[in-house]
């Protein structure tokens, strides 16, 4: 599982969403999940319309976010060791261990290496 802390107002977060959509498409059938944790202070009233409306260019198609999005808070972030900035992504093993953590935009090569 890849846990991705993001916010609707975060430009780098929005920049990496097409890659997260691709990752979910590619690895989802094998049981992998991207989980987006939206850290917007306003919560669901801001996040839900954003997720419903926004589309991202993925291989020439305009696609919505195709992975689960939940609303997070500082308590959730602390369970992952706290956040230094957005986006922050944490790769979690099937047995729940943190395998890798990246603050900033990620790419597939970083997580497959």
PDB file of N, CA and C in Angstrom:
ATOM      1  N   UNK A   1       0.849  -1.179   0.000  1.00  0.00           N
ATOM      2  CA  UNK A   1       0.000   0.000   0.000  1.00  0.00           C
ATOM      3  C   UNK A   1       0.891   1.237   0.000  1.00  0.00           C
ATOM      4  N   UNK A   2       0.448   2.225  -0.756  1.00  0.00           N
ATOM      5  CA  UNK A   2       1.123   3.513  -0.743  1.00  0.00           C
ATOM      6  C   UNK A   2       0.171   4.520  -0.120  1.00  0.00           C
ATOM      7  N   UNK A   3       0.568   5.066   1.028  1.00  0.00           N
ATOM      8  CA  UNK A   3      -0.228   6.087   1.700  1.00  0.00           C
ATOM      9  C   UNK A   3       0.326   7.439   1.258  1.00  0.00           C
ATOM     10  N   UNK A   4      -0.549   8.270   0.691  1.00  0.00           N
ATOM     11  CA  UNK A   4      -0.134   9.552   0.124  1.00  0.00           C
ATOM     12  C   UNK A   4      -0.858  10.682   0.847  1.00  0.00           C
ATOM     13  N   UNK A   5      -0.113  11.463   1.639  1.00  0.00           N
ATOM     14  CA  UNK A   5      -0.663  12.639   2.307  1.00  0.00           C
ATOM     15  C   UNK A   5      -0.607  13.801   1.325  1.00  0.00           C
ATOM     16  N   UNK A   6      -1.729  14.457   1.113  1.00  0.00           N
ATOM     17  CA  UNK A   6      -1.814  15.516   0.119  1.00  0.00           C
ATOM     18  C   UNK A   6      -2.842  16.557   0.561  1.00  0.00           C
ATOM     19  N   UNK A   7      -2.975  17.618  -0.217  1.00  0.00           N
ATOM     20  CA  UNK A   7      -3.992  18.649   0.024  1.00  0.00           C
ATOM     21  C   UNK A   7      -4.415  19.241  -1.315  1.00  0.00           C
ATOM     22  N   UNK A   8      -5.651  19.688  -1.387  1.00  0.00           N
ATOM     23  CA  UNK A   8      -6.183  20.224  -2.650  1.00  0.00           C
ATOM     24  C   UNK A   8      -5.435  21.474  -3.089  1.00  0.00           C
ATOM     25  N   UNK A   9      -4.893  22.248  -2.157  1.00  0.00           N
ATOM     26  CA  UNK A   9      -4.209  23.511  -2.469  1.00  0.00           C
ATOM     27  C   UNK A   9      -2.728  23.314  -2.803  1.00  0.00           C
ATOM     28  N   UNK A  10      -2.245  22.084  -2.735  1.00  0.00           N
ATOM     29  CA  UNK A  10      -0.817  21.780  -2.906  1.00  0.00           C
ATOM     30  C   UNK A  10      -0.508  21.472  -4.374  1.00  0.00           C
ATOM     31  N   UNK A  11       0.211  22.389  -5.051  1.00  0.00           N
ATOM     32  CA  UNK A  11       0.537  22.185  -6.468  1.00  0.00           C
ATOM     33  C   UNK A  11       1.347  20.913  -6.720  1.00  0.00           C
ATOM     34  N   UNK A  12       2.417  20.641  -5.946  1.00  0.00           N
ATOM     35  CA  UNK A  12       3.154  19.389  -6.181  1.00  0.00           C
ATOM     36  C   UNK A  12       2.279  18.146  -5.970  1.00  0.00           C
ATOM     37  N   UNK A  13       1.343  18.231  -5.038  1.00  0.00           N
ATOM     38  CA  UNK A  13       0.431  17.096  -4.810  1.00  0.00           C
ATOM     39  C   UNK A  13      -0.389  16.829  -6.073  1.00  0.00           C
ATOM     40  N   UNK A  14      -0.937  17.896  -6.641  1.00  0.00           N
ATOM     41  CA  UNK A  14      -1.754  17.742  -7.856  1.00  0.00           C
ATOM     42  C   UNK A  14      -0.908  17.260  -9.022  1.00  0.00           C
ATOM     43  N   UNK A  15       0.350  17.671  -9.042  1.00  0.00           N
ATOM     44  CA  UNK A  15       1.243  17.265 -10.123  1.00  0.00           C
ATOM     45  C   UNK A  15       1.492  15.745 -10.129  1.00  0.00           C
ATOM     46  N   UNK A  16       1.520  15.124  -8.947  1.00  0.00           N
ATOM     47  CA  UNK A  16       1.819  13.693  -8.902  1.00  0.00           C
ATOM     48  C   UNK A  16       0.568  12.802  -8.990  1.00  0.00           C
ATOM     49  N   UNK A  17      -0.627  13.379  -8.922  1.00  0.00           N
ATOM     50  CA  UNK A  17      -1.851  12.569  -8.963  1.00  0.00           C
ATOM     51  C   UNK A  17      -1.950  11.705 -10.222  1.00  0.00           C
ATOM     52  N   UNK A  18      -1.611  12.207 -11.430  1.00  0.00           N
ATOM     53  CA  UNK A  18      -1.697  11.313 -12.596  1.00  0.00           C
ATOM     54  C   UNK A  18      -0.832  10.058 -12.435  1.00  0.00           C
ATOM     55  N   UNK A  19       0.335  10.215 -11.824  1.00  0.00           N
ATOM     56  CA  UNK A  19       1.190   9.062 -11.614  1.00  0.00           C
ATOM     57  C   UNK A  19       0.563   8.091 -10.612  1.00  0.00           C
ATOM     58  N   UNK A  20      -0.096   8.618  -9.572  1.00  0.00           N
ATOM     59  CA  UNK A  20      -0.766   7.759  -8.590  1.00  0.00           C
ATOM     60  C   UNK A  20      -1.928   7.009  -9.235  1.00  0.00           C
ATOM     61  N   UNK A  21      -2.646   7.674 -10.143  1.00  0.00           N
ATOM     62  CA  UNK A  21      -3.733   7.016 -10.883  1.00  0.00           C
ATOM     63  C   UNK A  21      -3.161   5.851 -11.691  1.00  0.00           C
ATOM     64  N   UNK A  22      -2.050   6.101 -12.385  1.00  0.00           N
ATOM     65  CA  UNK A  22      -1.405   5.038 -13.171  1.00  0.00           C
ATOM     66  C   UNK A  22      -0.947   3.890 -12.285  1.00  0.00           C
ATOM     67  N   UNK A  23      -0.371   4.224 -11.142  1.00  0.00           N
ATOM     68  CA  UNK A  23       0.113   3.193 -10.226  1.00  0.00           C
ATOM     69  C   UNK A  23      -1.041   2.307  -9.748  1.00  0.00           C
ATOM     70  N   UNK A  24      -2.173   2.936  -9.417  1.00  0.00           N
ATOM     71  CA  UNK A  24      -3.340   2.164  -8.975  1.00  0.00           C
ATOM     72  C   UNK A  24      -3.846   1.271 -10.109  1.00  0.00           C
ATOM     73  N   UNK A  25      -3.897   1.804 -11.335  1.00  0.00           N
ATOM     74  CA  UNK A  25      -4.320   1.001 -12.493  1.00  0.00           C
ATOM     75  C   UNK A  25      -3.405  -0.201 -12.700  1.00  0.00           C
ATOM     76  N   UNK A  26      -2.105   0.045 -12.615  1.00  0.00           N
ATOM     77  CA  UNK A  26      -1.104  -0.972 -12.938  1.00  0.00           C
ATOM     78  C   UNK A  26      -1.013  -2.064 -11.880  1.00  0.00           C
ATOM     79  N   UNK A  27      -1.007  -1.663 -10.609  1.00  0.00           N
ATOM     80  CA  UNK A  27      -0.758  -2.618  -9.536  1.00  0.00           C
ATOM     81  C   UNK A  27      -1.995  -3.011  -8.735  1.00  0.00           C
ATOM     82  N   UNK A  28      -3.097  -2.271  -8.901  1.00  0.00           N
ATOM     83  CA  UNK A  28      -4.343  -2.583  -8.187  1.00  0.00           C
ATOM     84  C   UNK A  28      -4.815  -4.019  -8.385  1.00  0.00           C
ATOM     85  N   UNK A  29      -4.765  -4.545  -9.631  1.00  0.00           N
ATOM     86  CA  UNK A  29      -5.207  -5.932  -9.841  1.00  0.00           C
ATOM     87  C   UNK A  29      -4.385  -6.965  -9.060  1.00  0.00           C
ATOM     88  N   UNK A  30      -3.195  -6.562  -8.601  1.00  0.00           N
ATOM     89  CA  UNK A  30      -2.341  -7.468  -7.812  1.00  0.00           C
ATOM     90  C   UNK A  30      -2.525  -7.268  -6.311  1.00  0.00           C
ATOM     91  N   UNK A  31      -3.523  -6.472  -5.934  1.00  0.00           N
ATOM     92  CA  UNK A  31      -3.814  -6.271  -4.520  1.00  0.00           C
ATOM     93  C   UNK A  31      -3.177  -5.040  -3.901  1.00  0.00           C
ATOM     94  N   UNK A  32      -2.500  -4.230  -4.727  1.00  0.00           N
ATOM     95  CA  UNK A  32      -1.862  -3.004  -4.244  1.00  0.00           C
ATOM     96  C   UNK A  32      -2.895  -1.881  -4.216  1.00  0.00           C
ATOM     97  N   UNK A  33      -2.806  -1.005  -3.231  1.00  0.00           N
ATOM     98  CA  UNK A  33      -3.718   0.134  -3.154  1.00  0.00           C
ATOM     99  C   UNK A  33      -2.960   1.410  -2.850  1.00  0.00           C
ATOM    100  N   UNK A  34      -3.325   2.460  -3.567  1.00  0.00           N
ATOM    101  CA  UNK A  34      -2.905   3.807  -3.199  1.00  0.00           C
ATOM    102  C   UNK A  34      -4.011   4.334  -2.295  1.00  0.00           C
ATOM    103  N   UNK A  35      -3.653   4.914  -1.164  1.00  0.00           N
ATOM    104  CA  UNK A  35      -4.624   5.529  -0.263  1.00  0.00           C
ATOM    105  C   UNK A  35      -4.255   6.993  -0.120  1.00  0.00           C
ATOM    106  N   UNK A  36      -5.141   7.858  -0.579  1.00  0.00           N
ATOM    107  CA  UNK A  36      -4.924   9.296  -0.461  1.00  0.00           C
ATOM    108  C   UNK A  36      -5.495   9.807   0.848  1.00  0.00           C
ATOM    109  N   UNK A  37      -4.680  10.488   1.639  1.00  0.00           N
ATOM    110  CA  UNK A  37      -5.150  11.095   2.883  1.00  0.00           C
ATOM    111  C   UNK A  37      -5.092  12.609   2.703  1.00  0.00           C
ATOM    112  N   UNK A  38      -6.265  13.193   2.526  1.00  0.00           N
ATOM    113  CA  UNK A  38      -6.372  14.636   2.294  1.00  0.00           C
ATOM    114  C   UNK A  38      -6.237  15.371   3.620  1.00  0.00           C
ATOM    115  N   UNK A  39      -5.302  16.320   3.665  1.00  0.00           N
ATOM    116  CA  UNK A  39      -4.996  17.033   4.903  1.00  0.00           C
ATOM    117  C   UNK A  39      -5.543  18.459   4.918  1.00  0.00           C
ATOM    118  N   UNK A  40      -6.518  18.759   4.061  1.00  0.00           N
ATOM    119  CA  UNK A  40      -7.127  20.086   4.042  1.00  0.00           C
ATOM    120  C   UNK A  40      -7.820  20.359   5.375  1.00  0.00           C
ATOM    121  N   UNK A  41      -7.579  21.521   5.958  1.00  0.00           N
ATOM    122  CA  UNK A  41      -8.197  21.873   7.241  1.00  0.00           C
ATOM    123  C   UNK A  41      -9.719  21.912   7.152  1.00  0.00           C
ATOM    124  N   UNK A  42     -10.248  22.304   5.993  1.00  0.00           N
ATOM    125  CA  UNK A  42     -11.701  22.416   5.827  1.00  0.00           C
ATOM    126  C   UNK A  42     -12.355  21.046   5.685  1.00  0.00           C
ATOM    127  N   UNK A  43     -11.565  20.006   5.434  1.00  0.00           N
ATOM    128  CA  UNK A  43     -12.079  18.645   5.378  1.00  0.00           C
ATOM    129  C   UNK A  43     -12.956  18.340   4.181  1.00  0.00           C
ATOM    130  N   UNK A  44     -13.954  17.494   4.427  1.00  0.00           N
ATOM    131  CA  UNK A  44     -14.800  16.960   3.363  1.00  0.00           C
ATOM    132  C   UNK A  44     -15.492  18.013   2.494  1.00  0.00           C
ATOM    133  N   UNK A  45     -15.964  19.149   3.055  1.00  0.00           N
ATOM    134  CA  UNK A  45     -16.629  20.143   2.197  1.00  0.00           C
ATOM    135  C   UNK A  45     -15.738  20.673   1.068  1.00  0.00           C
ATOM    136  N   UNK A  46     -14.426  20.618   1.240  1.00  0.00           N
ATOM    137  CA  UNK A  46     -13.493  21.063   0.202  1.00  0.00           C
ATOM    138  C   UNK A  46     -12.999  19.871  -0.621  1.00  0.00           C
ATOM    139  N   UNK A  47     -12.707  18.783   0.040  1.00  0.00           N
ATOM    140  CA  UNK A  47     -12.087  17.627  -0.624  1.00  0.00           C
ATOM    141  C   UNK A  47     -13.076  16.893  -1.529  1.00  0.00           C
ATOM    142  N   UNK A  48     -14.283  16.638  -1.064  1.00  0.00           N
ATOM    143  CA  UNK A  48     -15.248  15.850  -1.852  1.00  0.00           C
ATOM    144  C   UNK A  48     -15.541  16.477  -3.218  1.00  0.00           C
ATOM    145  N   UNK A  49     -15.838  17.796  -3.294  1.00  0.00           N
ATOM    146  CA  UNK A  49     -16.078  18.386  -4.620  1.00  0.00           C
ATOM    147  C   UNK A  49     -14.833  18.367  -5.508  1.00  0.00           C
ATOM    148  N   UNK A  50     -13.663  18.548  -4.905  1.00  0.00           N
ATOM    149  CA  UNK A  50     -12.402  18.512  -5.656  1.00  0.00           C
ATOM    150  C   UNK A  50     -12.226  17.140  -6.311  1.00  0.00           C
ATOM    151  N   UNK A  51     -12.396  16.086  -5.526  1.00  0.00           N
ATOM    152  CA  UNK A  51     -12.218  14.719  -6.041  1.00  0.00           C
ATOM    153  C   UNK A  51     -13.266  14.420  -7.109  1.00  0.00           C
ATOM    154  N   UNK A  52     -14.499  14.888  -6.904  1.00  0.00           N
ATOM    155  CA  UNK A  52     -15.578  14.622  -7.866  1.00  0.00           C
ATOM    156  C   UNK A  52     -15.358  15.365  -9.179  1.00  0.00           C
ATOM    157  N   UNK A  53     -14.788  16.566  -9.124  1.00  0.00           N
ATOM    158  CA  UNK A  53     -14.699  17.427 -10.303  1.00  0.00           C
ATOM    159  C   UNK A  53     -13.409  17.267 -11.102  1.00  0.00           C
ATOM    160  N   UNK A  54     -12.283  17.151 -10.424  1.00  0.00           N
ATOM    161  CA  UNK A  54     -10.985  17.198 -11.103  1.00  0.00           C
ATOM    162  C   UNK A  54     -10.719  15.974 -11.973  1.00  0.00           C
ATOM    163  N   UNK A  55     -10.091  16.215 -13.119  1.00  0.00           N
ATOM    164  CA  UNK A  55      -9.662  15.146 -14.024  1.00  0.00           C
ATOM    165  C   UNK A  55      -8.195  15.391 -14.346  1.00  0.00           C
ATOM    166  N   UNK A  56      -7.464  14.308 -14.589  1.00  0.00           N
ATOM    167  CA  UNK A  56      -6.014  14.383 -14.794  1.00  0.00           C
ATOM    168  C   UNK A  56      -5.635  13.687 -16.082  1.00  0.00           C
ATOM    169  N   UNK A  57      -4.663  14.248 -16.770  1.00  0.00           N
ATOM    170  CA  UNK A  57      -4.193  13.688 -18.027  1.00  0.00           C
ATOM    171  C   UNK A  57      -3.307  12.474 -17.741  1.00  0.00           C
ATOM    172  N   UNK A  58      -3.837  11.308 -18.066  1.00  0.00           N
ATOM    173  CA  UNK A  58      -3.103  10.057 -17.880  1.00  0.00           C
ATOM    174  C   UNK A  58      -3.084   9.345 -19.230  1.00  0.00           C
ATOM    175  N   UNK A  59      -1.905   9.299 -19.839  1.00  0.00           N
ATOM    176  CA  UNK A  59      -1.758   8.662 -21.156  1.00  0.00           C
ATOM    177  C   UNK A  59      -2.784   9.195 -22.161  1.00  0.00           C
ATOM    178  N   UNK A  60      -3.006  10.502 -22.134  1.00  0.00           N
ATOM    179  CA  UNK A  60      -3.899  11.121 -23.103  1.00  0.00           C
ATOM    180  C   UNK A  60      -5.372  11.076 -22.751  1.00  0.00           C
ATOM    181  N   UNK A  61      -5.717  10.465 -21.637  1.00  0.00           N
ATOM    182  CA  UNK A  61      -7.117  10.417 -21.209  1.00  0.00           C
ATOM    183  C   UNK A  61      -7.294  11.320 -19.996  1.00  0.00           C
ATOM    184  N   UNK A  62      -8.480  11.914 -19.867  1.00  0.00           N
ATOM    185  CA  UNK A  62      -8.797  12.735 -18.694  1.00  0.00           C
ATOM    186  C   UNK A  62      -9.492  11.836 -17.670  1.00  0.00           C
ATOM    187  N   UNK A  63      -8.767  11.484 -16.601  1.00  0.00           N
ATOM    188  CA  UNK A  63      -9.274  10.510 -15.637  1.00  0.00           C
ATOM    189  C   UNK A  63      -9.433  11.112 -14.246  1.00  0.00           C
ATOM    190  N   UNK A  64     -10.427  10.605 -13.485  1.00  0.00           N
ATOM    191  CA  UNK A  64     -10.571  11.027 -12.088  1.00  0.00           C
ATOM    192  C   UNK A  64      -9.607  10.234 -11.206  1.00  0.00           C
ATOM    193  N   UNK A  65      -9.474  10.670  -9.976  1.00  0.00           N
ATOM    194  CA  UNK A  65      -8.700   9.904  -9.000  1.00  0.00           C
ATOM    195  C   UNK A  65      -9.406   8.555  -8.834  1.00  0.00           C
ATOM    196  N   UNK A  66      -8.666   7.472  -8.946  1.00  0.00           N
ATOM    197  CA  UNK A  66      -9.256   6.129  -8.963  1.00  0.00           C
ATOM    198  C   UNK A  66      -8.880   5.311  -7.732  1.00  0.00           C
ATOM    199  N   UNK A  67      -8.485   5.990  -6.685  1.00  0.00           N
ATOM    200  CA  UNK A  67      -8.093   5.299  -5.463  1.00  0.00           C
ATOM    201  C   UNK A  67      -8.827   5.945  -4.281  1.00  0.00           C
ATOM    202  N   UNK A  68      -8.926   5.224  -3.173  1.00  0.00           N
ATOM    203  CA  UNK A  68      -9.679   5.764  -2.038  1.00  0.00           C
ATOM    204  C   UNK A  68      -9.040   7.028  -1.468  1.00  0.00           C
ATOM    205  N   UNK A  69      -9.895   7.969  -1.093  1.00  0.00           N
ATOM    206  CA  UNK A  69      -9.472   9.219  -0.468  1.00  0.00           C
ATOM    207  C   UNK A  69     -10.182   9.314   0.880  1.00  0.00           C
ATOM    208  N   UNK A  70      -9.421   9.558   1.921  1.00  0.00           N
ATOM    209  CA  UNK A  70      -9.994   9.777   3.244  1.00  0.00           C
ATOM    210  C   UNK A  70      -9.507  11.132   3.757  1.00  0.00           C
ATOM    211  N   UNK A  71     -10.206  11.653   4.747  1.00  0.00           N
ATOM    212  CA  UNK A  71      -9.823  12.929   5.345  1.00  0.00           C
ATOM    213  C   UNK A  71      -8.909  12.634   6.533  1.00  0.00           C
ATOM    214  N   UNK A  72      -7.764  13.316   6.545  1.00  0.00           N
ATOM    215  CA  UNK A  72      -6.809  13.106   7.620  1.00  0.00           C
ATOM    216  C   UNK A  72      -6.736  14.294   8.557  1.00  0.00           C
ATOM    217  N   UNK A  73      -5.932  14.144   9.596  1.00  0.00           N
ATOM    218  CA  UNK A  73      -5.674  15.225  10.543  1.00  0.00           C
ATOM    219  C   UNK A  73      -4.297  14.993  11.157  1.00  0.00           C
ATOM    220  N   UNK A  74      -3.889  15.866  12.028  1.00  0.00           N
ATOM    221  CA  UNK A  74      -2.552  15.751  12.614  1.00  0.00           C
ATOM    222  C   UNK A  74      -2.370  14.438  13.369  1.00  0.00           C
ATOM    223  N   UNK A  75      -3.424  13.953  14.010  1.00  0.00           N
ATOM    224  CA  UNK A  75      -3.346  12.680  14.736  1.00  0.00           C
ATOM    225  C   UNK A  75      -2.988  11.534  13.809  1.00  0.00           C
ATOM    226  N   UNK A  76      -3.609  11.505  12.640  1.00  0.00           N
ATOM    227  CA  UNK A  76      -3.304  10.478  11.639  1.00  0.00           C
ATOM    228  C   UNK A  76      -1.861  10.632  11.175  1.00  0.00           C
ATOM    229  N   UNK A  77      -1.458  11.864  10.886  1.00  0.00           N
ATOM    230  CA  UNK A  77      -0.090  12.124  10.414  1.00  0.00           C
ATOM    231  C   UNK A  77       0.932  11.662  11.450  1.00  0.00           C
ATOM    232  N   UNK A  78       0.658  11.882  12.726  1.00  0.00           N
ATOM    233  CA  UNK A  78       1.589  11.474  13.784  1.00  0.00           C
ATOM    234  C   UNK A  78       1.786   9.965  13.820  1.00  0.00           C
ATOM    235  N   UNK A  79       0.729   9.216  13.499  1.00  0.00           N
ATOM    236  CA  UNK A  79       0.847   7.753  13.471  1.00  0.00           C
ATOM    237  C   UNK A  79       1.846   7.285  12.406  1.00  0.00           C
ATOM    238  N   UNK A  80       2.105   8.138  11.433  1.00  0.00           N
ATOM    239  CA  UNK A  80       3.073   7.836  10.371  1.00  0.00           C
ATOM    240  C   UNK A  80       4.394   8.568  10.609  1.00  0.00           C
ATOM    241  N   UNK A  81       4.589   9.091  11.807  1.00  0.00           N
ATOM    242  CA  UNK A  81       5.844   9.754  12.138  1.00  0.00           C
ATOM    243  C   UNK A  81       5.856  11.249  11.891  1.00  0.00           C
ATOM    244  N   UNK A  82       4.686  11.838  11.629  1.00  0.00           N
ATOM    245  CA  UNK A  82       4.605  13.274  11.377  1.00  0.00           C
ATOM    246  C   UNK A  82       4.966  13.616   9.940  1.00  0.00           C
ATOM    247  N   UNK A  83       4.630  14.831   9.548  1.00  0.00           N
ATOM    248  CA  UNK A  83       4.862  15.279   8.173  1.00  0.00           C
ATOM    249  C   UNK A  83       5.718  16.526   8.164  1.00  0.00           C
ATOM    250  N   UNK A  84       6.670  16.573   7.248  1.00  0.00           N
ATOM    251  CA  UNK A  84       7.500  17.764   7.065  1.00  0.00           C
ATOM    252  C   UNK A  84       6.963  18.647   5.955  1.00  0.00           C
ATOM    253  N   UNK A  85       6.102  18.107   5.124  1.00  0.00           N
ATOM    254  CA  UNK A  85       5.542  18.860   4.010  1.00  0.00           C
ATOM    255  C   UNK A  85       4.648  17.968   3.169  1.00  0.00           C
ATOM    256  N   UNK A  86       4.080  18.574   2.139  1.00  0.00           N
ATOM    257  CA  UNK A  86       3.188  17.840   1.229  1.00  0.00           C
ATOM    258  C   UNK A  86       3.743  17.893  -0.170  1.00  0.00           C
ATOM    259  N   UNK A  87       3.546  16.871  -0.923  1.00  0.00           N
ATOM    260  CA  UNK A  87       3.020  15.569  -0.525  1.00  0.00           C
ATOM    261  C   UNK A  87       4.059  14.765   0.253  1.00  0.00           C
ATOM    262  N   UNK A  88       3.567  13.833   1.049  1.00  0.00           N
ATOM    263  CA  UNK A  88       4.419  12.839   1.695  1.00  0.00           C
ATOM    264  C   UNK A  88       3.808  11.477   1.402  1.00  0.00           C
ATOM    265  N   UNK A  89       4.636  10.562   0.923  1.00  0.00           N
ATOM    266  CA  UNK A  89       4.168   9.221   0.587  1.00  0.00           C
ATOM    267  C   UNK A  89       4.930   8.196   1.415  1.00  0.00           C
ATOM    268  N   UNK A  90       4.188   7.195   1.886  1.00  0.00           N
ATOM    269  CA  UNK A  90       4.778   6.142   2.708  1.00  0.00           C
ATOM    270  C   UNK A  90       4.367   4.798   2.112  1.00  0.00           C
ATOM    271  N   UNK A  91       5.359   3.999   1.762  1.00  0.00           N
ATOM    272  CA  UNK A  91       5.110   2.659   1.236  1.00  0.00           C
ATOM    273  C   UNK A  91       5.035   1.707   2.422  1.00  0.00           C
ATOM    274  N   UNK A  92       3.917   0.983   2.510  1.00  0.00           N
ATOM    275  CA  UNK A  92       3.664   0.079   3.633  1.00  0.00           C
ATOM    276  C   UNK A  92       3.641  -1.357   3.109  1.00  0.00           C
ATOM    277  N   UNK A  93       4.335  -2.256   3.806  1.00  0.00           N
ATOM    278  CA  UNK A  93       4.352  -3.664   3.412  1.00  0.00           C
ATOM    279  C   UNK A  93       3.033  -4.336   3.812  1.00  0.00           C
ATOM    280  N   UNK A  94       2.800  -5.547   3.304  1.00  0.00           N
ATOM    281  CA  UNK A  94       1.573  -6.279   3.636  1.00  0.00           C
ATOM    282  C   UNK A  94       1.469  -6.546   5.129  1.00  0.00           C
ATOM    283  N   UNK A  95       2.621  -6.639   5.816  1.00  0.00           N
ATOM    284  CA  UNK A  95       2.582  -6.879   7.263  1.00  0.00           C
ATOM    285  C   UNK A  95       2.608  -5.581   8.074  1.00  0.00           C
ATOM    286  N   UNK A  96       2.434  -4.437   7.413  1.00  0.00           N
ATOM    287  CA  UNK A  96       2.258  -3.171   8.108  1.00  0.00           C
ATOM    288  C   UNK A  96       3.519  -2.380   8.408  1.00  0.00           C
ATOM    289  N   UNK A  97       4.657  -2.803   7.902  1.00  0.00           N
ATOM    290  CA  UNK A  97       5.903  -2.068   8.147  1.00  0.00           C
ATOM    291  C   UNK A  97       6.074  -0.949   7.130  1.00  0.00           C
ATOM    292  N   UNK A  98       6.661   0.177   7.567  1.00  0.00           N
ATOM    293  CA  UNK A  98       6.990   1.262   6.646  1.00  0.00           C
ATOM    294  C   UNK A  98       8.274   0.883   5.920  1.00  0.00           C
ATOM    295  N   UNK A  99       8.165   0.738   4.594  1.00  0.00           N
ATOM    296  CA  UNK A  99       9.317   0.344   3.790  1.00  0.00           C
ATOM    297  C   UNK A  99      10.092   1.544   3.263  1.00  0.00           C
ATOM    298  N   UNK A 100       9.366   2.582   2.906  1.00  0.00           N
ATOM    299  CA  UNK A 100       9.998   3.744   2.300  1.00  0.00           C
ATOM    300  C   UNK A 100       9.118   4.959   2.541  1.00  0.00           C
ATOM    301  N   UNK A 101       9.769   6.114   2.660  1.00  0.00           N
ATOM    302  CA  UNK A 101       9.041   7.360   2.892  1.00  0.00           C
ATOM    303  C   UNK A 101       9.694   8.445   2.039  1.00  0.00           C
ATOM    304  N   UNK A 102       8.859   9.206   1.335  1.00  0.00           N
ATOM    305  CA  UNK A 102       9.366  10.290   0.503  1.00  0.00           C
ATOM    306  C   UNK A 102       8.537  11.540   0.779  1.00  0.00           C
ATOM    307  N   UNK A 103       9.222  12.636   1.093  1.00  0.00           N
ATOM    308  CA  UNK A 103       8.557  13.933   1.202  1.00  0.00           C
ATOM    309  C   UNK A 103       8.834  14.663  -0.106  1.00  0.00           C
ATOM    310  N   UNK A 104       7.767  15.092  -0.769  1.00  0.00           N
ATOM    311  CA  UNK A 104       7.891  15.725  -2.079  1.00  0.00           C
ATOM    312  C   UNK A 104       7.337  14.807  -3.150  1.00  0.00           C
ATOM    313  N   UNK A 105       7.415  15.259  -4.379  1.00  0.00           N
ATOM    314  CA  UNK A 105       6.877  14.491  -5.504  1.00  0.00           C
ATOM    315  C   UNK A 105       7.653  13.186  -5.663  1.00  0.00           C
ATOM    316  N   UNK A 106       6.890  12.126  -5.852  1.00  0.00           N
ATOM    317  CA  UNK A 106       7.505  10.814  -6.036  1.00  0.00           C
ATOM    318  C   UNK A 106       7.432  10.415  -7.508  1.00  0.00           C
ATOM    319  N   UNK A 107       8.207   9.411  -7.848  1.00  0.00           N
ATOM    320  CA  UNK A 107       8.041   8.785  -9.152  1.00  0.00           C
ATOM    321  C   UNK A 107       8.152   7.278  -8.971  1.00  0.00           C
ATOM    322  N   UNK A 108       7.667   6.566  -9.942  1.00  0.00           N
ATOM    323  CA  UNK A 108       7.584   5.106  -9.832  1.00  0.00           C
ATOM    324  C   UNK A 108       8.963   4.487  -9.571  1.00  0.00           C
ATOM    325  N   UNK A 109       9.984   5.006 -10.216  1.00  0.00           N
ATOM    326  CA  UNK A 109      11.320   4.430 -10.056  1.00  0.00           C
ATOM    327  C   UNK A 109      11.773   4.453  -8.601  1.00  0.00           C
ATOM    328  N   UNK A 110      11.412   5.508  -7.870  1.00  0.00           N
ATOM    329  CA  UNK A 110      11.818   5.609  -6.465  1.00  0.00           C
ATOM    330  C   UNK A 110      11.253   4.466  -5.636  1.00  0.00           C
ATOM    331  N   UNK A 111      10.040   4.049  -5.959  1.00  0.00           N
ATOM    332  CA  UNK A 111       9.388   3.044  -5.136  1.00  0.00           C
ATOM    333  C   UNK A 111       9.623   1.623  -5.616  1.00  0.00           C
ATOM    334  N   UNK A 112      10.076   1.474  -6.837  1.00  0.00           N
ATOM    335  CA  UNK A 112      10.356   0.133  -7.341  1.00  0.00           C
ATOM    336  C   UNK A 112      11.801  -0.256  -7.119  1.00  0.00           C
ATOM    337  N   UNK A 113      12.630   0.723  -6.746  1.00  0.00           N
ATOM    338  CA  UNK A 113      14.045   0.417  -6.547  1.00  0.00           C
ATOM    339  C   UNK A 113      14.288  -0.157  -5.161  1.00  0.00           C
TER     340      UNK A 113
END
